[in-house]
Amino acid sequence: TVIFASFGEVSLSYGMKRVGPVSAAHWTNLISAILN
């Protein structure tokens, strides 16, 4: 539980820093973020 959560959060942070800002108003950006 600890390992999955920690590495999952770090991976999300790393990926989102590469994707850039996203907004729910622009759902296509959210989809492209998920595909990172």
PDB file of all heavy atoms in Angstrom:
ATOM      1  N   THR A   1       0.831  -1.200   0.000  1.00  0.00           N
ATOM      2  CA  THR A   1       0.000   0.000   0.000  1.00  0.00           C
ATOM      3  C   THR A   1       0.868   1.254   0.000  1.00  0.00           C
ATOM      4  O   THR A   1       0.654   2.182  -0.778  1.00  0.00           O
ATOM      5  CB  THR A   1      -0.943   0.007   1.222  1.00  0.00           C
ATOM      6  OG1 THR A   1      -1.729  -1.186   1.204  1.00  0.00           O
ATOM      7  CG2 THR A   1      -1.855   1.207   1.230  1.00  0.00           C
ATOM      8  N   VAL A   2       1.869   1.264   0.853  1.00  0.00           N
ATOM      9  CA  VAL A   2       2.779   2.411   0.954  1.00  0.00           C
ATOM     10  C   VAL A   2       3.570   2.590  -0.342  1.00  0.00           C
ATOM     11  O   VAL A   2       3.692   3.705  -0.864  1.00  0.00           O
ATOM     12  CB  VAL A   2       3.736   2.240   2.161  1.00  0.00           C
ATOM     13  CG1 VAL A   2       4.867   3.243   2.120  1.00  0.00           C
ATOM     14  CG2 VAL A   2       2.963   2.336   3.468  1.00  0.00           C
ATOM     15  N   ILE A   3       4.085   1.506  -0.885  1.00  0.00           N
ATOM     16  CA  ILE A   3       4.914   1.587  -2.098  1.00  0.00           C
ATOM     17  C   ILE A   3       4.085   2.012  -3.301  1.00  0.00           C
ATOM     18  O   ILE A   3       4.484   2.900  -4.065  1.00  0.00           O
ATOM     19  CB  ILE A   3       5.641   0.249  -2.342  1.00  0.00           C
ATOM     20  CG1 ILE A   3       6.722   0.067  -1.269  1.00  0.00           C
ATOM     21  CG2 ILE A   3       6.243   0.197  -3.746  1.00  0.00           C
ATOM     22  CD1 ILE A   3       7.381  -1.280  -1.272  1.00  0.00           C
ATOM     23  N   PHE A   4       2.915   1.398  -3.481  1.00  0.00           N
ATOM     24  CA  PHE A   4       2.051   1.785  -4.603  1.00  0.00           C
ATOM     25  C   PHE A   4       1.673   3.264  -4.529  1.00  0.00           C
ATOM     26  O   PHE A   4       1.715   3.980  -5.530  1.00  0.00           O
ATOM     27  CB  PHE A   4       0.777   0.934  -4.644  1.00  0.00           C
ATOM     28  CG  PHE A   4       0.953  -0.441  -5.221  1.00  0.00           C
ATOM     29  CD1 PHE A   4       0.408  -1.533  -4.580  1.00  0.00           C
ATOM     30  CD2 PHE A   4       1.633  -0.642  -6.410  1.00  0.00           C
ATOM     31  CE1 PHE A   4       0.551  -2.819  -5.111  1.00  0.00           C
ATOM     32  CE2 PHE A   4       1.778  -1.910  -6.954  1.00  0.00           C
ATOM     33  CZ  PHE A   4       1.241  -3.002  -6.303  1.00  0.00           C
ATOM     34  N   ALA A   5       1.278   3.725  -3.344  1.00  0.00           N
ATOM     35  CA  ALA A   5       0.862   5.124  -3.191  1.00  0.00           C
ATOM     36  C   ALA A   5       2.019   6.077  -3.463  1.00  0.00           C
ATOM     37  O   ALA A   5       1.878   7.038  -4.219  1.00  0.00           O
ATOM     38  CB  ALA A   5       0.297   5.359  -1.788  1.00  0.00           C
ATOM     39  N   SER A   6       3.174   5.816  -2.873  1.00  0.00           N
ATOM     40  CA  SER A   6       4.318   6.718  -3.013  1.00  0.00           C
ATOM     41  C   SER A   6       4.811   6.795  -4.452  1.00  0.00           C
ATOM     42  O   SER A   6       4.985   7.886  -5.006  1.00  0.00           O
ATOM     43  CB  SER A   6       5.455   6.275  -2.089  1.00  0.00           C
ATOM     44  OG  SER A   6       5.038   6.329  -0.748  1.00  0.00           O
ATOM     45  N   PHE A   7       5.038   5.642  -5.056  1.00  0.00           N
ATOM     46  CA  PHE A   7       5.530   5.643  -6.433  1.00  0.00           C
ATOM     47  C   PHE A   7       4.454   6.143  -7.402  1.00  0.00           C
ATOM     48  O   PHE A   7       4.775   6.784  -8.409  1.00  0.00           O
ATOM     49  CB  PHE A   7       6.044   4.258  -6.831  1.00  0.00           C
ATOM     50  CG  PHE A   7       7.435   3.995  -6.349  1.00  0.00           C
ATOM     51  CD1 PHE A   7       7.657   3.368  -5.130  1.00  0.00           C
ATOM     52  CD2 PHE A   7       8.535   4.367  -7.098  1.00  0.00           C
ATOM     53  CE1 PHE A   7       8.935   3.122  -4.671  1.00  0.00           C
ATOM     54  CE2 PHE A   7       9.829   4.138  -6.652  1.00  0.00           C
ATOM     55  CZ  PHE A   7      10.030   3.514  -5.433  1.00  0.00           C
ATOM     56  N   GLY A   8       3.189   5.888  -7.113  1.00  0.00           N
ATOM     57  CA  GLY A   8       2.109   6.391  -7.949  1.00  0.00           C
ATOM     58  C   GLY A   8       2.039   7.906  -7.927  1.00  0.00           C
ATOM     59  O   GLY A   8       1.904   8.554  -8.968  1.00  0.00           O
ATOM     60  N   GLU A   9       2.150   8.484  -6.738  1.00  0.00           N
ATOM     61  CA  GLU A   9       2.121   9.949  -6.620  1.00  0.00           C
ATOM     62  C   GLU A   9       3.327  10.590  -7.298  1.00  0.00           C
ATOM     63  O   GLU A   9       3.195  11.617  -7.973  1.00  0.00           O
ATOM     64  CB  GLU A   9       2.065  10.363  -5.144  1.00  0.00           C
ATOM     65  CG  GLU A   9       0.795   9.969  -4.436  1.00  0.00           C
ATOM     66  CD  GLU A   9      -0.437  10.725  -4.917  1.00  0.00           C
ATOM     67  OE1 GLU A   9      -0.313  11.727  -5.642  1.00  0.00           O
ATOM     68  OE2 GLU A   9      -1.545  10.309  -4.534  1.00  0.00           O
ATOM     69  N   VAL A  10       4.501  10.008  -7.128  1.00  0.00           N
ATOM     70  CA  VAL A  10       5.706  10.549  -7.771  1.00  0.00           C
ATOM     71  C   VAL A  10       5.582  10.466  -9.291  1.00  0.00           C
ATOM     72  O   VAL A  10       5.924  11.411 -10.008  1.00  0.00           O
ATOM     73  CB  VAL A  10       6.979   9.824  -7.270  1.00  0.00           C
ATOM     74  CG1 VAL A  10       8.189  10.152  -8.127  1.00  0.00           C
ATOM     75  CG2 VAL A  10       7.250  10.191  -5.814  1.00  0.00           C
ATOM     76  N   SER A  11       5.074   9.366  -9.788  1.00  0.00           N
ATOM     77  CA  SER A  11       4.891   9.199 -11.224  1.00  0.00           C
ATOM     78  C   SER A  11       3.883  10.219 -11.769  1.00  0.00           C
ATOM     79  O   SER A  11       4.112  10.832 -12.824  1.00  0.00           O
ATOM     80  CB  SER A  11       4.424   7.775 -11.524  1.00  0.00           C
ATOM     81  OG  SER A  11       4.266   7.592 -12.908  1.00  0.00           O
ATOM     82  N   LEU A  12       2.779  10.417 -11.058  1.00  0.00           N
ATOM     83  CA  LEU A  12       1.797  11.424 -11.470  1.00  0.00           C
ATOM     84  C   LEU A  12       2.419  12.822 -11.499  1.00  0.00           C
ATOM     85  O   LEU A  12       2.216  13.586 -12.449  1.00  0.00           O
ATOM     86  CB  LEU A  12       0.605  11.436 -10.517  1.00  0.00           C
ATOM     87  CG  LEU A  12      -0.496  10.423 -10.744  1.00  0.00           C
ATOM     88  CD1 LEU A  12      -1.571  10.582  -9.679  1.00  0.00           C
ATOM     89  CD2 LEU A  12      -1.103  10.551 -12.114  1.00  0.00           C
ATOM     90  N   SER A  13       3.156  13.153 -10.471  1.00  0.00           N
ATOM     91  CA  SER A  13       3.778  14.467 -10.398  1.00  0.00           C
ATOM     92  C   SER A  13       4.761  14.666 -11.546  1.00  0.00           C
ATOM     93  O   SER A  13       4.750  15.710 -12.215  1.00  0.00           O
ATOM     94  CB  SER A  13       4.490  14.638  -9.055  1.00  0.00           C
ATOM     95  OG  SER A  13       5.130  15.891  -8.987  1.00  0.00           O
ATOM     96  N   TYR A  14       5.599  13.669 -11.781  1.00  0.00           N
ATOM     97  CA  TYR A  14       6.587  13.743 -12.866  1.00  0.00           C
ATOM     98  C   TYR A  14       5.885  13.925 -14.214  1.00  0.00           C
ATOM     99  O   TYR A  14       6.262  14.786 -15.012  1.00  0.00           O
ATOM    100  CB  TYR A  14       7.450  12.478 -12.866  1.00  0.00           C
ATOM    101  CG  TYR A  14       8.562  12.495 -13.878  1.00  0.00           C
ATOM    102  CD1 TYR A  14       9.746  13.174 -13.605  1.00  0.00           C
ATOM    103  CD2 TYR A  14       8.439  11.837 -15.091  1.00  0.00           C
ATOM    104  CE1 TYR A  14      10.783  13.203 -14.523  1.00  0.00           C
ATOM    105  CE2 TYR A  14       9.467  11.852 -16.020  1.00  0.00           C
ATOM    106  CZ  TYR A  14      10.631  12.531 -15.732  1.00  0.00           C
ATOM    107  OH  TYR A  14      11.651  12.567 -16.652  1.00  0.00           O
ATOM    108  N   GLY A  15       4.859  13.146 -14.458  1.00  0.00           N
ATOM    109  CA  GLY A  15       4.127  13.229 -15.717  1.00  0.00           C
ATOM    110  C   GLY A  15       3.408  14.544 -15.897  1.00  0.00           C
ATOM    111  O   GLY A  15       3.439  15.143 -16.981  1.00  0.00           O
ATOM    112  N   MET A  16       2.765  15.033 -14.834  1.00  0.00           N
ATOM    113  CA  MET A  16       2.001  16.272 -14.943  1.00  0.00           C
ATOM    114  C   MET A  16       2.911  17.488 -15.107  1.00  0.00           C
ATOM    115  O   MET A  16       2.517  18.469 -15.733  1.00  0.00           O
ATOM    116  CB  MET A  16       1.070  16.448 -13.748  1.00  0.00           C
ATOM    117  CG  MET A  16      -0.102  15.487 -13.751  1.00  0.00           C
ATOM    118  SD  MET A  16      -1.043  15.473 -15.305  1.00  0.00           S
ATOM    119  CE  MET A  16      -1.631  17.154 -15.391  1.00  0.00           C
ATOM    120  N   LYS A  17       4.117  17.424 -14.591  1.00  0.00           N
ATOM    121  CA  LYS A  17       5.065  18.520 -14.812  1.00  0.00           C
ATOM    122  C   LYS A  17       5.466  18.582 -16.291  1.00  0.00           C
ATOM    123  O   LYS A  17       5.799  19.640 -16.803  1.00  0.00           O
ATOM    124  CB  LYS A  17       6.278  18.361 -13.914  1.00  0.00           C
ATOM    125  CG  LYS A  17       5.976  18.769 -12.485  1.00  0.00           C
ATOM    126  CD  LYS A  17       7.195  18.666 -11.614  1.00  0.00           C
ATOM    127  CE  LYS A  17       6.978  19.255 -10.260  1.00  0.00           C
ATOM    128  NZ  LYS A  17       6.291  18.447  -9.307  1.00  0.00           N
ATOM    129  N   ARG A  18       5.433  17.446 -16.972  1.00  0.00           N
ATOM    130  CA  ARG A  18       5.739  17.418 -18.402  1.00  0.00           C
ATOM    131  C   ARG A  18       4.532  17.800 -19.253  1.00  0.00           C
ATOM    132  O   ARG A  18       4.677  18.355 -20.322  1.00  0.00           O
ATOM    133  CB  ARG A  18       6.248  16.040 -18.810  1.00  0.00           C
ATOM    134  CG  ARG A  18       7.756  15.958 -18.680  1.00  0.00           C
ATOM    135  CD  ARG A  18       8.205  14.881 -17.710  1.00  0.00           C
ATOM    136  NE  ARG A  18       9.584  15.076 -17.297  1.00  0.00           N
ATOM    137  CZ  ARG A  18       9.934  15.774 -16.208  1.00  0.00           C
ATOM    138  NH1 ARG A  18       9.044  16.348 -15.473  1.00  0.00           N
ATOM    139  NH2 ARG A  18      11.198  15.890 -15.859  1.00  0.00           N
ATOM    140  N   VAL A  19       3.335  17.500 -18.773  1.00  0.00           N
ATOM    141  CA  VAL A  19       2.110  17.825 -19.503  1.00  0.00           C
ATOM    142  C   VAL A  19       1.826  19.326 -19.418  1.00  0.00           C
ATOM    143  O   VAL A  19       1.431  19.946 -20.401  1.00  0.00           O
ATOM    144  CB  VAL A  19       0.918  17.016 -18.960  1.00  0.00           C
ATOM    145  CG1 VAL A  19      -0.404  17.528 -19.504  1.00  0.00           C
ATOM    146  CG2 VAL A  19       1.093  15.544 -19.271  1.00  0.00           C
ATOM    147  N   GLY A  20       2.001  19.904 -18.251  1.00  0.00           N
ATOM    148  CA  GLY A  20       1.680  21.314 -18.049  1.00  0.00           C
ATOM    149  C   GLY A  20       0.297  21.473 -17.451  1.00  0.00           C
ATOM    150  O   GLY A  20      -0.395  20.492 -17.161  1.00  0.00           O
ATOM    151  N   PRO A  21      -0.132  22.721 -17.296  1.00  0.00           N
ATOM    152  CA  PRO A  21      -1.427  22.994 -16.660  1.00  0.00           C
ATOM    153  C   PRO A  21      -2.599  22.405 -17.459  1.00  0.00           C
ATOM    154  O   PRO A  21      -2.607  22.464 -18.683  1.00  0.00           O
ATOM    155  CB  PRO A  21      -1.511  24.520 -16.643  1.00  0.00           C
ATOM    156  CG  PRO A  21      -0.117  25.002 -16.849  1.00  0.00           C
ATOM    157  CD  PRO A  21       0.589  23.946 -17.625  1.00  0.00           C
ATOM    158  N   VAL A  22      -3.548  21.828 -16.740  1.00  0.00           N
ATOM    159  CA  VAL A  22      -4.779  21.315 -17.360  1.00  0.00           C
ATOM    160  C   VAL A  22      -5.964  21.857 -16.585  1.00  0.00           C
ATOM    161  O   VAL A  22      -5.842  22.240 -15.427  1.00  0.00           O
ATOM    162  CB  VAL A  22      -4.823  19.767 -17.406  1.00  0.00           C
ATOM    163  CG1 VAL A  22      -3.735  19.218 -18.285  1.00  0.00           C
ATOM    164  CG2 VAL A  22      -4.742  19.176 -16.020  1.00  0.00           C
ATOM    165  N   SER A  23      -7.106  21.860 -17.238  1.00  0.00           N
ATOM    166  CA  SER A  23      -8.324  22.371 -16.624  1.00  0.00           C
ATOM    167  C   SER A  23      -9.487  21.471 -17.018  1.00  0.00           C
ATOM    168  O   SER A  23      -9.529  20.949 -18.135  1.00  0.00           O
ATOM    169  CB  SER A  23      -8.577  23.801 -17.114  1.00  0.00           C
ATOM    170  OG  SER A  23      -9.876  24.224 -16.785  1.00  0.00           O
ATOM    171  N   ALA A  24     -10.413  21.320 -16.116  1.00  0.00           N
ATOM    172  CA  ALA A  24     -11.605  20.523 -16.414  1.00  0.00           C
ATOM    173  C   ALA A  24     -12.425  21.162 -17.530  1.00  0.00           C
ATOM    174  O   ALA A  24     -13.167  20.483 -18.233  1.00  0.00           O
ATOM    175  CB  ALA A  24     -12.453  20.347 -15.162  1.00  0.00           C
ATOM    176  N   ALA A  25     -12.269  22.469 -17.712  1.00  0.00           N
ATOM    177  CA  ALA A  25     -12.982  23.162 -18.784  1.00  0.00           C
ATOM    178  C   ALA A  25     -12.478  22.735 -20.161  1.00  0.00           C
ATOM    179  O   ALA A  25     -13.194  22.840 -21.146  1.00  0.00           O
ATOM    180  CB  ALA A  25     -12.844  24.670 -18.618  1.00  0.00           C
ATOM    181  N   HIS A  26     -11.256  22.260 -20.209  1.00  0.00           N
ATOM    182  CA  HIS A  26     -10.660  21.786 -21.467  1.00  0.00           C
ATOM    183  C   HIS A  26     -10.407  20.287 -21.336  1.00  0.00           C
ATOM    184  O   HIS A  26      -9.277  19.854 -21.139  1.00  0.00           O
ATOM    185  CB  HIS A  26      -9.367  22.543 -21.769  1.00  0.00           C
ATOM    186  CG  HIS A  26      -9.573  24.020 -21.905  1.00  0.00           C
ATOM    187  ND1 HIS A  26      -9.321  24.886 -20.878  1.00  0.00           N
ATOM    188  CD2 HIS A  26     -10.047  24.762 -22.938  1.00  0.00           C
ATOM    189  CE1 HIS A  26      -9.604  26.113 -21.269  1.00  0.00           C
ATOM    190  NE2 HIS A  26     -10.049  26.066 -22.516  1.00  0.00           N
ATOM    191  N   TRP A  27     -11.457  19.499 -21.446  1.00  0.00           N
ATOM    192  CA  TRP A  27     -11.383  18.057 -21.189  1.00  0.00           C
ATOM    193  C   TRP A  27     -10.442  17.332 -22.143  1.00  0.00           C
ATOM    194  O   TRP A  27      -9.920  16.278 -21.811  1.00  0.00           O
ATOM    195  CB  TRP A  27     -12.770  17.431 -21.199  1.00  0.00           C
ATOM    196  CG  TRP A  27     -13.500  17.585 -22.500  1.00  0.00           C
ATOM    197  CD1 TRP A  27     -14.294  18.625 -22.882  1.00  0.00           C
ATOM    198  CD2 TRP A  27     -13.467  16.688 -23.592  1.00  0.00           C
ATOM    199  NE1 TRP A  27     -14.767  18.437 -24.135  1.00  0.00           N
ATOM    200  CE2 TRP A  27     -14.271  17.229 -24.615  1.00  0.00           C
ATOM    201  CE3 TRP A  27     -12.845  15.467 -23.832  1.00  0.00           C
ATOM    202  CZ2 TRP A  27     -14.458  16.613 -25.830  1.00  0.00           C
ATOM    203  CZ3 TRP A  27     -13.033  14.838 -25.047  1.00  0.00           C
ATOM    204  CH2 TRP A  27     -13.837  15.416 -26.036  1.00  0.00           C
ATOM    205  N   THR A  28     -10.194  17.885 -23.316  1.00  0.00           N
ATOM    206  CA  THR A  28      -9.255  17.219 -24.239  1.00  0.00           C
ATOM    207  C   THR A  28      -7.841  17.241 -23.664  1.00  0.00           C
ATOM    208  O   THR A  28      -7.076  16.291 -23.863  1.00  0.00           O
ATOM    209  CB  THR A  28      -9.280  17.885 -25.631  1.00  0.00           C
ATOM    210  OG1 THR A  28      -9.037  19.284 -25.488  1.00  0.00           O
ATOM    211  CG2 THR A  28     -10.607  17.659 -26.319  1.00  0.00           C
ATOM    212  N   ASN A  29      -7.510  18.307 -22.916  1.00  0.00           N
ATOM    213  CA  ASN A  29      -6.199  18.357 -22.252  1.00  0.00           C
ATOM    214  C   ASN A  29      -6.106  17.290 -21.163  1.00  0.00           C
ATOM    215  O   ASN A  29      -5.035  16.714 -20.926  1.00  0.00           O
ATOM    216  CB  ASN A  29      -5.946  19.730 -21.647  1.00  0.00           C
ATOM    217  CG  ASN A  29      -5.773  20.804 -22.700  1.00  0.00           C
ATOM    218  OD1 ASN A  29      -5.587  20.509 -23.878  1.00  0.00           O
ATOM    219  ND2 ASN A  29      -5.838  22.048 -22.277  1.00  0.00           N
ATOM    220  N   LEU A  30      -7.223  17.034 -20.489  1.00  0.00           N
ATOM    221  CA  LEU A  30      -7.236  15.991 -19.457  1.00  0.00           C
ATOM    222  C   LEU A  30      -6.980  14.618 -20.073  1.00  0.00           C
ATOM    223  O   LEU A  30      -6.236  13.806 -19.517  1.00  0.00           O
ATOM    224  CB  LEU A  30      -8.573  15.993 -18.709  1.00  0.00           C
ATOM    225  CG  LEU A  30      -8.845  17.183 -17.807  1.00  0.00           C
ATOM    226  CD1 LEU A  30     -10.270  17.138 -17.276  1.00  0.00           C
ATOM    227  CD2 LEU A  30      -7.859  17.205 -16.661  1.00  0.00           C
ATOM    228  N   ILE A  31      -7.598  14.374 -21.229  1.00  0.00           N
ATOM    229  CA  ILE A  31      -7.393  13.083 -21.898  1.00  0.00           C
ATOM    230  C   ILE A  31      -5.947  12.931 -22.345  1.00  0.00           C
ATOM    231  O   ILE A  31      -5.335  11.875 -22.140  1.00  0.00           O
ATOM    232  CB  ILE A  31      -8.372  12.923 -23.080  1.00  0.00           C
ATOM    233  CG1 ILE A  31      -9.795  12.806 -22.545  1.00  0.00           C
ATOM    234  CG2 ILE A  31      -8.011  11.705 -23.931  1.00  0.00           C
ATOM    235  CD1 ILE A  31     -10.869  12.819 -23.597  1.00  0.00           C
ATOM    236  N   SER A  32      -5.373  13.983 -22.891  1.00  0.00           N
ATOM    237  CA  SER A  32      -3.971  13.890 -23.314  1.00  0.00           C
ATOM    238  C   SER A  32      -3.053  13.708 -22.104  1.00  0.00           C
ATOM    239  O   SER A  32      -2.034  13.030 -22.190  1.00  0.00           O
ATOM    240  CB  SER A  32      -3.554  15.100 -24.145  1.00  0.00           C
ATOM    241  OG  SER A  32      -3.559  16.275 -23.367  1.00  0.00           O
ATOM    242  N   ALA A  33      -3.420  14.297 -20.960  1.00  0.00           N
ATOM    243  CA  ALA A  33      -2.623  14.106 -19.743  1.00  0.00           C
ATOM    244  C   ALA A  33      -2.662  12.650 -19.296  1.00  0.00           C
ATOM    245  O   ALA A  33      -1.640  12.078 -18.925  1.00  0.00           O
ATOM    246  CB  ALA A  33      -3.132  15.016 -18.631  1.00  0.00           C
ATOM    247  N   ILE A  34      -3.852  12.052 -19.355  1.00  0.00           N
ATOM    248  CA  ILE A  34      -3.992  10.650 -18.943  1.00  0.00           C
ATOM    249  C   ILE A  34      -3.196   9.730 -19.861  1.00  0.00           C
ATOM    250  O   ILE A  34      -2.685   8.696 -19.437  1.00  0.00           O
ATOM    251  CB  ILE A  34      -5.485  10.252 -18.902  1.00  0.00           C
ATOM    252  CG1 ILE A  34      -6.169  10.983 -17.758  1.00  0.00           C
ATOM    253  CG2 ILE A  34      -5.665   8.750 -18.747  1.00  0.00           C
ATOM    254  CD1 ILE A  34      -7.675  10.856 -17.753  1.00  0.00           C
ATOM    255  N   LEU A  35      -3.054  10.113 -21.106  1.00  0.00           N
ATOM    256  CA  LEU A  35      -2.315   9.290 -22.072  1.00  0.00           C
ATOM    257  C   LEU A  35      -0.797   9.450 -21.960  1.00  0.00           C
ATOM    258  O   LEU A  35      -0.056   8.686 -22.569  1.00  0.00           O
ATOM    259  CB  LEU A  35      -2.778   9.612 -23.500  1.00  0.00           C
ATOM    260  CG  LEU A  35      -4.241   9.269 -23.791  1.00  0.00           C
ATOM    261  CD1 LEU A  35      -4.622   9.712 -25.196  1.00  0.00           C
ATOM    262  CD2 LEU A  35      -4.501   7.793 -23.585  1.00  0.00           C
ATOM    263  N   ASN A  36      -0.343  10.421 -21.168  1.00  0.00           N
ATOM    264  CA  ASN A  36       1.088  10.552 -20.920  1.00  0.00           C
ATOM    265  C   ASN A  36       1.551   9.286 -20.193  1.00  0.00           C
ATOM    266  O   ASN A  36       0.922   8.859 -19.216  1.00  0.00           O
ATOM    267  CB  ASN A  36       1.353  11.794 -20.062  1.00  0.00           C
ATOM    268  CG  ASN A  36       2.805  11.921 -19.665  1.00  0.00           C
ATOM    269  OD1 ASN A  36       3.282  11.207 -18.793  1.00  0.00           O
ATOM    270  ND2 ASN A  36       3.492  12.838 -20.309  1.00  0.00           N
TER     271      ASN A  36
END
